[in-house]
């Protein structure tokens, strides 16, 4: 996954998700840096609102199409 910001473009990976008391912790990397995101119960509503947005749902519904399209392009040698 790519993250673009005024500081540059970084590869972002998610490596683990866990709960610590009343927080959701997401561990990963942003570029060369280890990252730790914490989401507490007061922020969960805004996260869920983003995850159930029209854009996110349409992407999830179209994901099989995007995956097959990429595989067929790879097999045919096109990018």
C-alpha atoms as a PDB file:
ATOM      1  CA  UNK A   1       0.000   0.000   0.000  1.00  0.00           C
ATOM      2  CA  UNK A   2       1.244   3.503  -0.747  1.00  0.00           C
ATOM      3  CA  UNK A   3       0.847   6.577   1.392  1.00  0.00           C
ATOM      4  CA  UNK A   4       1.343   9.938  -0.288  1.00  0.00           C
ATOM      5  CA  UNK A   5       2.007  13.073   1.734  1.00  0.00           C
ATOM      6  CA  UNK A   6       3.891  16.360   1.389  1.00  0.00           C
ATOM      7  CA  UNK A   7       6.848  14.529   2.992  1.00  0.00           C
ATOM      8  CA  UNK A   8       6.927  12.000   0.137  1.00  0.00           C
ATOM      9  CA  UNK A   9       5.561   8.626  -0.886  1.00  0.00           C
ATOM     10  CA  UNK A  10       5.928   5.688   1.497  1.00  0.00           C
ATOM     11  CA  UNK A  11       5.170   2.000   1.417  1.00  0.00           C
ATOM     12  CA  UNK A  12       2.826   1.154   4.285  1.00  0.00           C
ATOM     13  CA  UNK A  13       2.304  -2.343   5.659  1.00  0.00           C
ATOM     14  CA  UNK A  14       0.045  -3.645   8.407  1.00  0.00           C
ATOM     15  CA  UNK A  15       1.588  -6.483  10.379  1.00  0.00           C
ATOM     16  CA  UNK A  16      -0.659  -7.037  13.386  1.00  0.00           C
ATOM     17  CA  UNK A  17      -3.868  -5.887  15.034  1.00  0.00           C
ATOM     18  CA  UNK A  18      -4.518  -6.384  18.716  1.00  0.00           C
ATOM     19  CA  UNK A  19      -6.501  -5.006  21.600  1.00  0.00           C
ATOM     20  CA  UNK A  20      -4.825  -3.389  24.581  1.00  0.00           C
ATOM     21  CA  UNK A  21      -7.387  -2.539  27.270  1.00  0.00           C
ATOM     22  CA  UNK A  22      -9.817  -0.117  25.582  1.00  0.00           C
ATOM     23  CA  UNK A  23      -7.694   0.544  22.475  1.00  0.00           C
ATOM     24  CA  UNK A  24      -7.296  -1.142  19.107  1.00  0.00           C
ATOM     25  CA  UNK A  25      -3.596  -1.251  18.201  1.00  0.00           C
ATOM     26  CA  UNK A  26      -2.397  -1.620  14.600  1.00  0.00           C
ATOM     27  CA  UNK A  27       1.307  -2.360  14.140  1.00  0.00           C
ATOM     28  CA  UNK A  28       3.131  -1.969  10.866  1.00  0.00           C
ATOM     29  CA  UNK A  29       5.647   0.052   8.912  1.00  0.00           C
ATOM     30  CA  UNK A  30       5.505   3.412   7.155  1.00  0.00           C
ATOM     31  CA  UNK A  31       8.516   3.572   4.875  1.00  0.00           C
ATOM     32  CA  UNK A  32      11.486   2.473   6.972  1.00  0.00           C
ATOM     33  CA  UNK A  33       9.834   3.417  10.266  1.00  0.00           C
ATOM     34  CA  UNK A  34       7.973   1.062  12.569  1.00  0.00           C
ATOM     35  CA  UNK A  35       4.513   2.405  13.234  1.00  0.00           C
ATOM     36  CA  UNK A  36       1.919   1.915  15.928  1.00  0.00           C
ATOM     37  CA  UNK A  37      -1.573   3.288  15.493  1.00  0.00           C
ATOM     38  CA  UNK A  38      -3.955   3.302  18.401  1.00  0.00           C
ATOM     39  CA  UNK A  39      -7.699   3.795  18.126  1.00  0.00           C
ATOM     40  CA  UNK A  40      -9.682   4.334  21.300  1.00  0.00           C
ATOM     41  CA  UNK A  41     -13.397   3.833  21.760  1.00  0.00           C
ATOM     42  CA  UNK A  42     -14.192   7.510  21.138  1.00  0.00           C
ATOM     43  CA  UNK A  43     -12.520   7.318  17.689  1.00  0.00           C
ATOM     44  CA  UNK A  44     -14.141   4.046  16.617  1.00  0.00           C
ATOM     45  CA  UNK A  45     -17.267   5.781  15.309  1.00  0.00           C
ATOM     46  CA  UNK A  46     -15.304   7.929  12.855  1.00  0.00           C
ATOM     47  CA  UNK A  47     -13.314   4.871  11.693  1.00  0.00           C
ATOM     48  CA  UNK A  48     -16.507   2.884  11.087  1.00  0.00           C
ATOM     49  CA  UNK A  49     -18.049   5.822   9.239  1.00  0.00           C
ATOM     50  CA  UNK A  50     -15.093   5.849   6.839  1.00  0.00           C
ATOM     51  CA  UNK A  51     -15.145   2.057   6.419  1.00  0.00           C
ATOM     52  CA  UNK A  52     -18.841   1.969   5.516  1.00  0.00           C
ATOM     53  CA  UNK A  53     -18.648   4.925   3.120  1.00  0.00           C
ATOM     54  CA  UNK A  54     -19.891   4.604  -0.450  1.00  0.00           C
ATOM     55  CA  UNK A  55     -16.323   4.611  -1.793  1.00  0.00           C
ATOM     56  CA  UNK A  56     -15.122   1.869   0.556  1.00  0.00           C
ATOM     57  CA  UNK A  57     -18.146  -0.364  -0.057  1.00  0.00           C
ATOM     58  CA  UNK A  58     -17.960   0.020  -3.837  1.00  0.00           C
ATOM     59  CA  UNK A  59     -14.243  -0.819  -3.736  1.00  0.00           C
ATOM     60  CA  UNK A  60     -14.940  -3.966  -1.686  1.00  0.00           C
ATOM     61  CA  UNK A  61     -17.718  -5.050  -4.048  1.00  0.00           C
ATOM     62  CA  UNK A  62     -15.491  -4.467  -7.102  1.00  0.00           C
ATOM     63  CA  UNK A  63     -12.401  -6.043  -5.539  1.00  0.00           C
ATOM     64  CA  UNK A  64     -12.901  -9.460  -7.249  1.00  0.00           C
ATOM     65  CA  UNK A  65     -13.153  -7.662 -10.604  1.00  0.00           C
ATOM     66  CA  UNK A  66      -9.967  -5.663  -9.966  1.00  0.00           C
ATOM     67  CA  UNK A  67      -8.146  -8.831  -8.891  1.00  0.00           C
ATOM     68  CA  UNK A  68      -9.188 -10.813 -11.976  1.00  0.00           C
ATOM     69  CA  UNK A  69      -8.409  -7.876 -14.261  1.00  0.00           C
ATOM     70  CA  UNK A  70      -4.897  -7.608 -12.807  1.00  0.00           C
ATOM     71  CA  UNK A  71      -4.315 -11.381 -13.171  1.00  0.00           C
ATOM     72  CA  UNK A  72      -5.463 -11.402 -16.805  1.00  0.00           C
ATOM     73  CA  UNK A  73      -3.292  -8.392 -17.609  1.00  0.00           C
ATOM     74  CA  UNK A  74      -0.328 -10.123 -16.004  1.00  0.00           C
ATOM     75  CA  UNK A  75      -0.966 -13.317 -18.002  1.00  0.00           C
ATOM     76  CA  UNK A  76      -1.262 -11.393 -21.266  1.00  0.00           C
ATOM     77  CA  UNK A  77       1.903  -9.385 -20.574  1.00  0.00           C
ATOM     78  CA  UNK A  78       0.182  -5.959 -20.365  1.00  0.00           C
ATOM     79  CA  UNK A  79       0.545  -3.542 -17.501  1.00  0.00           C
END
